[in-house]
Amino acid sequence: MPNFTDKQPVATDANQANSIASLDTYTELLKTRNLFKPSIPIPSKRKIGKTTAQQLAERLQFLGTSGDEKELTALVFIPERGPGSFHVGDRVAEFVLKEIKKDSLVLEMENEQITLKR
């Protein structure tokens, strides 16, 4: 039963319990999402070929660019990680970003260069 002081309701133990339960549920959802697992599985103990690298790159989504022509930033959606903005030299999932153009990106993985079109 709520307590009333000057005819204003005061928080009850039930309200606090509901808030704590909601927070616990949210925390559990965050724990179940593994933020550090690789977004793209890479075959182990062998060289990555051009075909495999291309298939891995195609899982990424090149959303666009921002900035001026000299300092372009690429916006890329990475599966299970979400969107991010990247500059030349940055790591994009398991690739290294080598070049940014308005309509394409050049990515590198183990000496294989892949062009990802928008």
C-alpha atoms as a PDB file:
ATOM      1  CA  MET A   1       0.000   0.000   0.000  1.00  0.00           C
ATOM      2  CA  PRO A   2       1.497   3.384  -0.992  1.00  0.00           C
ATOM      3  CA  ASN A   3       2.357   5.925   1.684  1.00  0.00           C
ATOM      4  CA  PHE A   4       0.975   9.432   1.288  1.00  0.00           C
ATOM      5  CA  THR A   5       2.616  12.536   2.680  1.00  0.00           C
ATOM      6  CA  ASP A   6       0.799  15.796   2.021  1.00  0.00           C
ATOM      7  CA  LYS A   7      -1.380  13.864  -0.437  1.00  0.00           C
ATOM      8  CA  GLN A   8       1.623  13.091  -2.692  1.00  0.00           C
ATOM      9  CA  PRO A   9       2.475   9.450  -3.381  1.00  0.00           C
ATOM     10  CA  VAL A  10       5.859   8.292  -2.152  1.00  0.00           C
ATOM     11  CA  ALA A  11       7.832   5.527  -3.883  1.00  0.00           C
ATOM     12  CA  THR A  12       6.955   2.119  -2.545  1.00  0.00           C
ATOM     13  CA  ASP A  13       9.034  -0.979  -2.200  1.00  0.00           C
ATOM     14  CA  ALA A  14       7.021  -2.483  -5.087  1.00  0.00           C
ATOM     15  CA  ASN A  15       7.999   0.395  -7.405  1.00  0.00           C
ATOM     16  CA  GLN A  16      11.651   0.024  -6.445  1.00  0.00           C
ATOM     17  CA  ALA A  17      11.469  -3.735  -6.997  1.00  0.00           C
ATOM     18  CA  ASN A  18      10.018  -3.181 -10.498  1.00  0.00           C
ATOM     19  CA  SER A  19      12.811  -0.737 -11.340  1.00  0.00           C
ATOM     20  CA  ILE A  20      15.486  -3.138 -10.112  1.00  0.00           C
ATOM     21  CA  ALA A  21      13.878  -6.028 -12.033  1.00  0.00           C
ATOM     22  CA  SER A  22      13.868  -3.936 -15.229  1.00  0.00           C
ATOM     23  CA  LEU A  23      17.525  -3.044 -14.734  1.00  0.00           C
ATOM     24  CA  ASP A  24      18.429  -6.692 -14.088  1.00  0.00           C
ATOM     25  CA  THR A  25      16.611  -7.770 -17.259  1.00  0.00           C
ATOM     26  CA  TYR A  26      18.461  -5.134 -19.298  1.00  0.00           C
ATOM     27  CA  THR A  27      21.803  -6.160 -17.777  1.00  0.00           C
ATOM     28  CA  GLU A  28      21.158  -9.820 -18.636  1.00  0.00           C
ATOM     29  CA  LEU A  29      20.374  -8.873 -22.244  1.00  0.00           C
ATOM     30  CA  LEU A  30      23.679  -7.020 -22.463  1.00  0.00           C
ATOM     31  CA  LYS A  31      25.576  -9.976 -21.006  1.00  0.00           C
ATOM     32  CA  THR A  32      24.118 -12.372 -23.587  1.00  0.00           C
ATOM     33  CA  ARG A  33      25.369 -10.203 -26.440  1.00  0.00           C
ATOM     34  CA  ASN A  34      29.020 -11.070 -26.921  1.00  0.00           C
ATOM     35  CA  LEU A  35      30.499  -7.766 -28.059  1.00  0.00           C
ATOM     36  CA  PHE A  36      33.944  -9.173 -28.710  1.00  0.00           C
ATOM     37  CA  LYS A  37      33.267 -12.190 -30.906  1.00  0.00           C
ATOM     38  CA  PRO A  38      34.524 -11.931 -34.482  1.00  0.00           C
ATOM     39  CA  SER A  39      31.857 -10.737 -36.869  1.00  0.00           C
ATOM     40  CA  ILE A  40      33.276 -12.708 -39.773  1.00  0.00           C
ATOM     41  CA  PRO A  41      34.644 -16.217 -39.280  1.00  0.00           C
ATOM     42  CA  ILE A  42      38.075 -16.665 -40.859  1.00  0.00           C
ATOM     43  CA  PRO A  43      39.378 -20.076 -41.907  1.00  0.00           C
ATOM     44  CA  SER A  44      42.283 -20.969 -39.639  1.00  0.00           C
ATOM     45  CA  LYS A  45      45.750 -22.376 -40.343  1.00  0.00           C
ATOM     46  CA  ARG A  46      45.781 -21.614 -44.049  1.00  0.00           C
ATOM     47  CA  LYS A  47      46.222 -18.664 -46.345  1.00  0.00           C
ATOM     48  CA  ILE A  48      43.202 -16.567 -47.197  1.00  0.00           C
ATOM     49  CA  GLY A  49      42.621 -16.641 -50.938  1.00  0.00           C
ATOM     50  CA  LYS A  50      41.083 -13.905 -53.068  1.00  0.00           C
ATOM     51  CA  THR A  51      37.711 -15.690 -53.238  1.00  0.00           C
ATOM     52  CA  THR A  52      37.474 -16.195 -49.476  1.00  0.00           C
ATOM     53  CA  ALA A  53      38.530 -12.610 -48.766  1.00  0.00           C
ATOM     54  CA  GLN A  54      35.914 -11.350 -51.252  1.00  0.00           C
ATOM     55  CA  GLN A  55      33.193 -13.444 -49.595  1.00  0.00           C
ATOM     56  CA  LEU A  56      34.189 -12.108 -46.182  1.00  0.00           C
ATOM     57  CA  ALA A  57      34.230  -8.514 -47.443  1.00  0.00           C
ATOM     58  CA  GLU A  58      30.770  -8.885 -48.964  1.00  0.00           C
ATOM     59  CA  ARG A  59      29.337  -9.407 -45.478  1.00  0.00           C
ATOM     60  CA  LEU A  60      30.304  -5.803 -44.711  1.00  0.00           C
ATOM     61  CA  GLN A  61      27.966  -3.037 -45.860  1.00  0.00           C
ATOM     62  CA  PHE A  62      29.584   0.114 -47.240  1.00  0.00           C
ATOM     63  CA  LEU A  63      27.006   2.777 -46.370  1.00  0.00           C
ATOM     64  CA  GLY A  64      28.761   5.884 -47.668  1.00  0.00           C
ATOM     65  CA  THR A  65      31.378   8.520 -47.010  1.00  0.00           C
ATOM     66  CA  SER A  66      31.593  11.858 -45.271  1.00  0.00           C
ATOM     67  CA  GLY A  67      34.111  14.670 -45.211  1.00  0.00           C
ATOM     68  CA  ASP A  68      35.962  16.421 -48.006  1.00  0.00           C
ATOM     69  CA  GLU A  69      37.844  14.723 -50.859  1.00  0.00           C
ATOM     70  CA  LYS A  70      41.191  14.848 -49.004  1.00  0.00           C
ATOM     71  CA  GLU A  71      39.920  13.492 -45.677  1.00  0.00           C
ATOM     72  CA  LEU A  72      37.134  11.035 -46.514  1.00  0.00           C
ATOM     73  CA  THR A  73      35.638   8.930 -43.752  1.00  0.00           C
ATOM     74  CA  ALA A  74      33.926   5.637 -44.628  1.00  0.00           C
ATOM     75  CA  LEU A  75      30.751   4.535 -42.876  1.00  0.00           C
ATOM     76  CA  VAL A  76      30.623   0.725 -42.760  1.00  0.00           C
ATOM     77  CA  PHE A  77      28.121  -1.603 -41.112  1.00  0.00           C
ATOM     78  CA  ILE A  78      29.843  -4.647 -39.605  1.00  0.00           C
ATOM     79  CA  PRO A  79      27.652  -7.696 -38.858  1.00  0.00           C
ATOM     80  CA  GLU A  80      27.009  -8.214 -35.129  1.00  0.00           C
ATOM     81  CA  ARG A  81      28.924  -5.025 -34.271  1.00  0.00           C
ATOM     82  CA  GLY A  82      26.954  -2.281 -35.968  1.00  0.00           C
ATOM     83  CA  PRO A  83      28.004   0.807 -37.898  1.00  0.00           C
ATOM     84  CA  GLY A  84      31.298   2.604 -37.559  1.00  0.00           C
ATOM     85  CA  SER A  85      33.250   5.357 -39.279  1.00  0.00           C
ATOM     86  CA  PHE A  86      36.750   4.558 -40.476  1.00  0.00           C
ATOM     87  CA  HIS A  87      39.793   6.319 -41.946  1.00  0.00           C
ATOM     88  CA  VAL A  88      42.562   4.920 -44.135  1.00  0.00           C
ATOM     89  CA  GLY A  89      44.720   2.594 -42.014  1.00  0.00           C
ATOM     90  CA  ASP A  90      41.899   1.714 -39.602  1.00  0.00           C
ATOM     91  CA  ARG A  91      40.859  -1.859 -38.935  1.00  0.00           C
ATOM     92  CA  VAL A  92      37.423  -2.693 -40.361  1.00  0.00           C
ATOM     93  CA  ALA A  93      36.453  -6.070 -38.868  1.00  0.00           C
ATOM     94  CA  GLU A  94      39.288  -8.364 -39.984  1.00  0.00           C
ATOM     95  CA  PHE A  95      40.437  -6.053 -42.798  1.00  0.00           C
ATOM     96  CA  VAL A  96      42.661  -2.984 -42.972  1.00  0.00           C
ATOM     97  CA  LEU A  97      41.198  -0.027 -44.860  1.00  0.00           C
ATOM     98  CA  LYS A  98      43.668   0.952 -47.603  1.00  0.00           C
ATOM     99  CA  GLU A  99      41.737   3.455 -49.724  1.00  0.00           C
ATOM    100  CA  ILE A 100      38.438   5.341 -49.601  1.00  0.00           C
ATOM    101  CA  LYS A 101      36.585   6.550 -52.697  1.00  0.00           C
ATOM    102  CA  LYS A 102      33.062   7.950 -52.910  1.00  0.00           C
ATOM    103  CA  ASP A 103      31.724   4.702 -54.403  1.00  0.00           C
ATOM    104  CA  SER A 104      34.167   2.042 -53.162  1.00  0.00           C
ATOM    105  CA  LEU A 105      36.620   0.967 -50.480  1.00  0.00           C
ATOM    106  CA  VAL A 106      39.854  -0.966 -50.865  1.00  0.00           C
ATOM    107  CA  LEU A 107      40.323  -3.429 -48.004  1.00  0.00           C
ATOM    108  CA  GLU A 108      43.277  -5.701 -47.314  1.00  0.00           C
ATOM    109  CA  MET A 109      43.535  -9.035 -45.527  1.00  0.00           C
ATOM    110  CA  GLU A 110      46.720 -11.126 -45.579  1.00  0.00           C
ATOM    111  CA  ASN A 111      48.101  -9.452 -48.730  1.00  0.00           C
ATOM    112  CA  GLU A 112      44.759  -9.876 -50.539  1.00  0.00           C
ATOM    113  CA  GLN A 113      43.187  -6.603 -51.631  1.00  0.00           C
ATOM    114  CA  ILE A 114      39.438  -6.457 -52.058  1.00  0.00           C
ATOM    115  CA  THR A 115      37.333  -3.652 -53.507  1.00  0.00           C
ATOM    116  CA  LEU A 116      33.994  -3.221 -51.748  1.00  0.00           C
ATOM    117  CA  LYS A 117      31.453  -1.291 -53.827  1.00  0.00           C
ATOM    118  CA  ARG A 118      28.649   0.782 -52.438  1.00  0.00           C
END
